[in-house]
């Protein structure tokens, strides 16, 4: 910022010029502050739009995964229920095991899907400090949503699989292929698979409760 030193020798003229200089400085500072405020609001607005779009994609992804898992789980539950009833009715083992080669084959599956759960838009907003200028109530919704996303990612990568004894499951499936598996073995295996699906899906359904809160946030802009 540049200004000229008053050249007037009279005190009254000097005072007038000094006041004008002060006013000019204050005006420049006010304009600079206004420009920065507008810039910050624009950054916050753009960041919020990207975050909400990202959260909408996450909601869609979670719903797609739940639909896929539900189809698998429905078959698993059906086969398990019919197998359990057969055991209770004392149906011969060979008769029950034969059904795993026909109408129970679709129930022996472990193809749990997991959503991508994107967080790039949030990470970018944190990196460029755009979150600093997002309104507090809106920001809190975002913080909660992404914290829940991190929790579900952590639980999904470890929580669901903890219900499944991998080596024993592989042994059971191998026994099924060779014809040496028993109905009780298969019942235990199906119970593990059912629990794994239920655990993962329960976490995802809980996540959906927080995602719409952030998605419905009103963007403060302009």
Protein backbone atom coordinates (compact mmCIF):
# COMPACT_ATOMS: atom_id res chain seq x y z
CA UNK A 1 0.00 0.00 0.00
CA UNK A 2 1.39 3.40 -0.99
CA UNK A 3 0.51 6.88 0.23
CA UNK A 4 2.17 10.26 0.07
CA UNK A 5 3.38 12.09 3.14
CA UNK A 6 1.40 15.36 3.55
CA UNK A 7 3.36 18.34 2.27
CA UNK A 8 1.16 21.06 3.74
CA UNK A 9 2.84 23.22 6.34
CA UNK A 10 -0.39 24.40 7.94
CA UNK A 11 -1.66 22.29 10.82
CA UNK A 12 -5.27 22.48 9.63
CA UNK A 13 -4.39 21.34 6.13
CA UNK A 14 -2.12 18.64 7.53
CA UNK A 15 -4.93 17.36 9.76
CA UNK A 16 -7.33 17.20 6.83
CA UNK A 17 -4.90 15.29 4.66
CA UNK A 18 -4.06 12.96 7.53
CA UNK A 19 -7.74 12.14 8.04
CA UNK A 20 -8.09 11.39 4.32
CA UNK A 21 -5.08 9.06 4.48
CA UNK A 22 -6.53 7.20 7.48
CA UNK A 23 -9.89 6.88 5.75
CA UNK A 24 -8.19 5.54 2.62
CA UNK A 25 -6.26 2.96 4.63
CA UNK A 26 -9.37 1.81 6.53
CA UNK A 27 -11.34 1.61 3.29
CA UNK A 28 -8.65 -0.49 1.65
CA UNK A 29 -8.52 -2.82 4.63
CA UNK A 30 -12.30 -3.16 4.65
CA UNK A 31 -12.34 -3.96 0.95
CA UNK A 32 -9.59 -6.52 1.39
CA UNK A 33 -11.50 -8.14 4.25
CA UNK A 34 -14.68 -8.23 2.16
CA UNK A 35 -12.88 -9.85 -0.76
CA UNK A 36 -11.37 -12.48 1.54
CA UNK A 37 -14.74 -13.16 3.16
CA UNK A 38 -16.36 -13.66 -0.25
CA UNK A 39 -13.52 -15.96 -1.28
CA UNK A 40 -13.83 -18.01 1.90
CA UNK A 41 -17.59 -18.36 1.47
CA UNK A 42 -17.08 -19.51 -2.11
CA UNK A 43 -14.54 -22.11 -1.00
CA UNK A 44 -16.93 -23.35 1.68
CA UNK A 45 -19.79 -23.48 -0.80
CA UNK A 46 -17.81 -25.45 -3.37
CA UNK A 47 -16.49 -27.82 -0.70
CA UNK A 48 -19.99 -28.41 0.69
CA UNK A 49 -21.37 -29.21 -2.75
CA UNK A 50 -18.62 -31.76 -3.37
CA UNK A 51 -19.03 -33.28 0.10
CA UNK A 52 -22.78 -33.65 -0.28
CA UNK A 53 -22.38 -35.18 -3.75
CA UNK A 54 -19.85 -37.61 -2.27
CA UNK A 55 -22.20 -38.53 0.57
CA UNK A 56 -25.03 -39.14 -1.91
CA UNK A 57 -22.77 -41.54 -3.82
CA UNK A 58 -21.97 -43.29 -0.55
CA UNK A 59 -25.66 -43.66 0.26
CA UNK A 60 -26.31 -45.20 -3.16
CA UNK A 61 -23.31 -47.48 -2.80
CA UNK A 62 -24.43 -48.67 0.64
CA UNK A 63 -27.96 -49.36 -0.58
CA UNK A 64 -26.66 -51.32 -3.58
CA UNK A 65 -24.42 -53.41 -1.33
CA UNK A 66 -27.23 -54.06 1.14
CA UNK A 67 -29.47 -55.23 -1.70
CA UNK A 68 -26.77 -57.62 -2.94
CA UNK A 69 -26.03 -58.98 0.52
CA UNK A 70 -29.72 -59.35 1.32
CA UNK A 71 -30.22 -61.59 -1.72
CA UNK A 72 -27.36 -63.83 -0.59
CA UNK A 73 -28.50 -63.81 3.03
CA UNK A 74 -32.04 -64.75 2.06
CA UNK A 75 -30.78 -67.93 0.41
CA UNK A 76 -28.41 -68.71 3.28
CA UNK A 77 -31.23 -68.38 5.81
CA UNK A 78 -33.55 -70.51 3.69
CA UNK A 79 -31.05 -73.33 3.32
CA UNK A 80 -30.09 -73.20 6.99
CA UNK A 81 -33.73 -73.30 8.12
CA UNK A 82 -34.54 -76.25 5.85
CA UNK A 83 -31.38 -78.09 6.91
CA UNK A 84 -32.14 -77.52 10.58
CA UNK A 85 -35.68 -78.79 10.12
CA UNK A 86 -34.36 -81.85 8.34
CA UNK A 87 -31.97 -82.60 11.21
CA UNK A 88 -34.78 -82.19 13.74
CA UNK A 89 -36.99 -84.49 11.67
CA UNK A 90 -34.15 -87.05 11.67
CA UNK A 91 -33.94 -87.15 7.88
CA UNK A 92 -31.08 -89.40 6.73
CA UNK A 93 -27.74 -87.63 6.38
CA UNK A 94 -27.23 -88.74 2.79
CA UNK A 95 -30.63 -87.34 1.81
CA UNK A 96 -29.88 -83.98 3.39
CA UNK A 97 -26.38 -83.76 1.90
CA UNK A 98 -27.71 -84.63 -1.54
CA UNK A 99 -29.74 -81.44 -1.50
CA UNK A 100 -26.54 -79.36 -1.39
CA UNK A 101 -25.92 -80.55 -4.95
CA UNK A 102 -29.35 -79.40 -6.07
CA UNK A 103 -31.67 -76.83 -4.49
CA UNK A 104 -29.34 -75.95 -1.59
CA UNK A 105 -26.31 -75.19 -3.73
CA UNK A 106 -27.06 -71.44 -3.89
CA UNK A 107 -27.08 -71.25 -0.10
CA UNK A 108 -23.42 -72.18 0.27
CA UNK A 109 -21.99 -68.78 -0.60
CA UNK A 110 -19.74 -66.22 1.04
CA UNK A 111 -19.58 -63.24 -1.31
CA UNK A 112 -20.17 -60.35 1.06
CA UNK A 113 -19.97 -57.01 -0.73
CA UNK A 114 -18.61 -53.87 0.89
CA UNK A 115 -19.22 -50.28 -0.24
CA UNK A 116 -16.37 -48.06 -1.37
CA UNK A 117 -17.33 -45.30 1.10
CA UNK A 118 -15.55 -42.38 -0.55
CA UNK A 119 -14.02 -39.57 1.49
CA UNK A 120 -11.85 -37.72 -1.04
CA UNK A 121 -14.02 -34.57 -1.06
CA UNK A 122 -13.83 -34.34 2.72
CA UNK A 123 -10.08 -34.90 2.73
CA UNK A 124 -9.64 -32.14 0.15
CA UNK A 125 -11.78 -29.71 2.16
CA UNK A 126 -9.68 -30.38 5.23
CA UNK A 127 -6.44 -30.02 3.29
CA UNK A 128 -7.31 -26.61 1.78
CA UNK A 129 -8.97 -25.49 5.05
CA UNK A 130 -12.33 -24.93 3.38
CA UNK A 131 -13.94 -26.63 6.38
CA UNK A 132 -12.84 -23.63 8.46
CA UNK A 133 -15.51 -21.49 6.81
CA UNK A 134 -18.36 -24.00 6.71
CA UNK A 135 -21.11 -23.06 9.25
CA UNK A 136 -20.70 -24.90 12.55
CA UNK A 137 -23.97 -26.88 12.51
CA UNK A 138 -23.39 -28.00 8.94
CA UNK A 139 -19.77 -28.85 9.66
CA UNK A 140 -20.79 -30.95 12.66
CA UNK A 141 -23.06 -33.04 10.45
CA UNK A 142 -20.21 -33.66 8.06
CA UNK A 143 -17.81 -34.54 10.86
CA UNK A 144 -20.31 -37.05 12.27
CA UNK A 145 -20.98 -38.62 8.88
CA UNK A 146 -17.33 -39.13 8.02
CA UNK A 147 -16.50 -40.36 11.52
CA UNK A 148 -19.21 -43.00 11.11
CA UNK A 149 -17.79 -43.89 7.70
CA UNK A 150 -14.37 -44.49 9.23
CA UNK A 151 -15.88 -46.61 12.00
CA UNK A 152 -17.85 -48.76 9.56
CA UNK A 153 -14.81 -49.23 7.34
CA UNK A 154 -12.83 -50.42 10.34
CA UNK A 155 -15.60 -52.75 11.54
CA UNK A 156 -16.33 -54.09 8.06
CA UNK A 157 -12.76 -55.11 7.37
CA UNK A 158 -12.50 -57.02 10.63
CA UNK A 159 -15.87 -57.35 12.32
CA UNK A 160 -17.69 -59.45 9.74
CA UNK A 161 -14.92 -61.88 9.04
CA UNK A 162 -14.40 -62.49 12.76
CA UNK A 163 -17.59 -64.58 12.69
CA UNK A 164 -16.05 -66.94 10.15
CA UNK A 165 -13.35 -69.48 10.95
CA UNK A 166 -11.64 -69.36 7.56
CA UNK A 167 -9.58 -72.58 7.70
CA UNK A 168 -12.47 -74.58 9.13
CA UNK A 169 -14.83 -73.14 6.53
CA UNK A 170 -12.47 -74.21 3.73
CA UNK A 171 -12.21 -77.68 5.26
CA UNK A 172 -16.00 -77.95 5.41
CA UNK A 173 -16.40 -76.88 1.79
CA UNK A 174 -13.71 -79.37 0.77
CA UNK A 175 -15.55 -82.10 2.68
CA UNK A 176 -18.75 -81.05 0.90
CA UNK A 177 -17.05 -81.51 -2.47
CA UNK A 178 -15.66 -84.91 -1.57
CA UNK A 179 -18.93 -86.08 -0.06
CA UNK A 180 -17.63 -86.48 3.50
CA UNK A 181 -19.30 -83.43 5.09
CA UNK A 182 -22.13 -84.00 7.56
CA UNK A 183 -25.36 -82.05 8.03
CA UNK A 184 -24.16 -80.81 11.42
CA UNK A 185 -20.94 -79.48 9.89
CA UNK A 186 -22.91 -77.67 7.22
CA UNK A 187 -25.29 -76.23 9.80
CA UNK A 188 -22.36 -74.74 11.72
CA UNK A 189 -20.85 -73.35 8.51
CA UNK A 190 -24.14 -71.77 7.46
CA UNK A 191 -24.55 -70.26 10.91
CA UNK A 192 -21.13 -68.62 10.62
CA UNK A 193 -21.88 -67.25 7.17
CA UNK A 194 -25.26 -65.93 8.31
CA UNK A 195 -23.64 -64.12 11.24
CA UNK A 196 -20.99 -62.58 9.00
CA UNK A 197 -23.59 -61.16 6.61
CA UNK A 198 -25.76 -59.92 9.46
CA UNK A 199 -22.82 -58.18 11.14
CA UNK A 200 -21.71 -56.34 8.01
CA UNK A 201 -25.23 -55.37 7.00
CA UNK A 202 -26.08 -54.20 10.51
CA UNK A 203 -23.13 -51.81 10.44
CA UNK A 204 -24.12 -50.48 7.01
CA UNK A 205 -27.74 -49.96 8.03
CA UNK A 206 -26.54 -48.00 11.05
CA UNK A 207 -24.36 -45.85 8.79
CA UNK A 208 -27.35 -44.91 6.63
CA UNK A 209 -28.90 -43.19 9.64
CA UNK A 210 -26.11 -40.59 9.72
CA UNK A 211 -25.44 -40.09 6.01
CA UNK A 212 -28.76 -38.43 5.12
CA UNK A 213 -28.25 -35.90 7.94
CA UNK A 214 -25.16 -34.58 6.23
CA UNK A 215 -26.71 -34.94 2.78
CA UNK A 216 -29.71 -32.80 3.70
CA UNK A 217 -27.62 -29.97 5.13
CA UNK A 218 -28.42 -26.57 3.69
CA UNK A 219 -25.40 -25.00 2.04
CA UNK A 220 -24.69 -21.47 3.22
CA UNK A 221 -23.35 -19.60 0.25
CA UNK A 222 -23.24 -16.27 -1.48
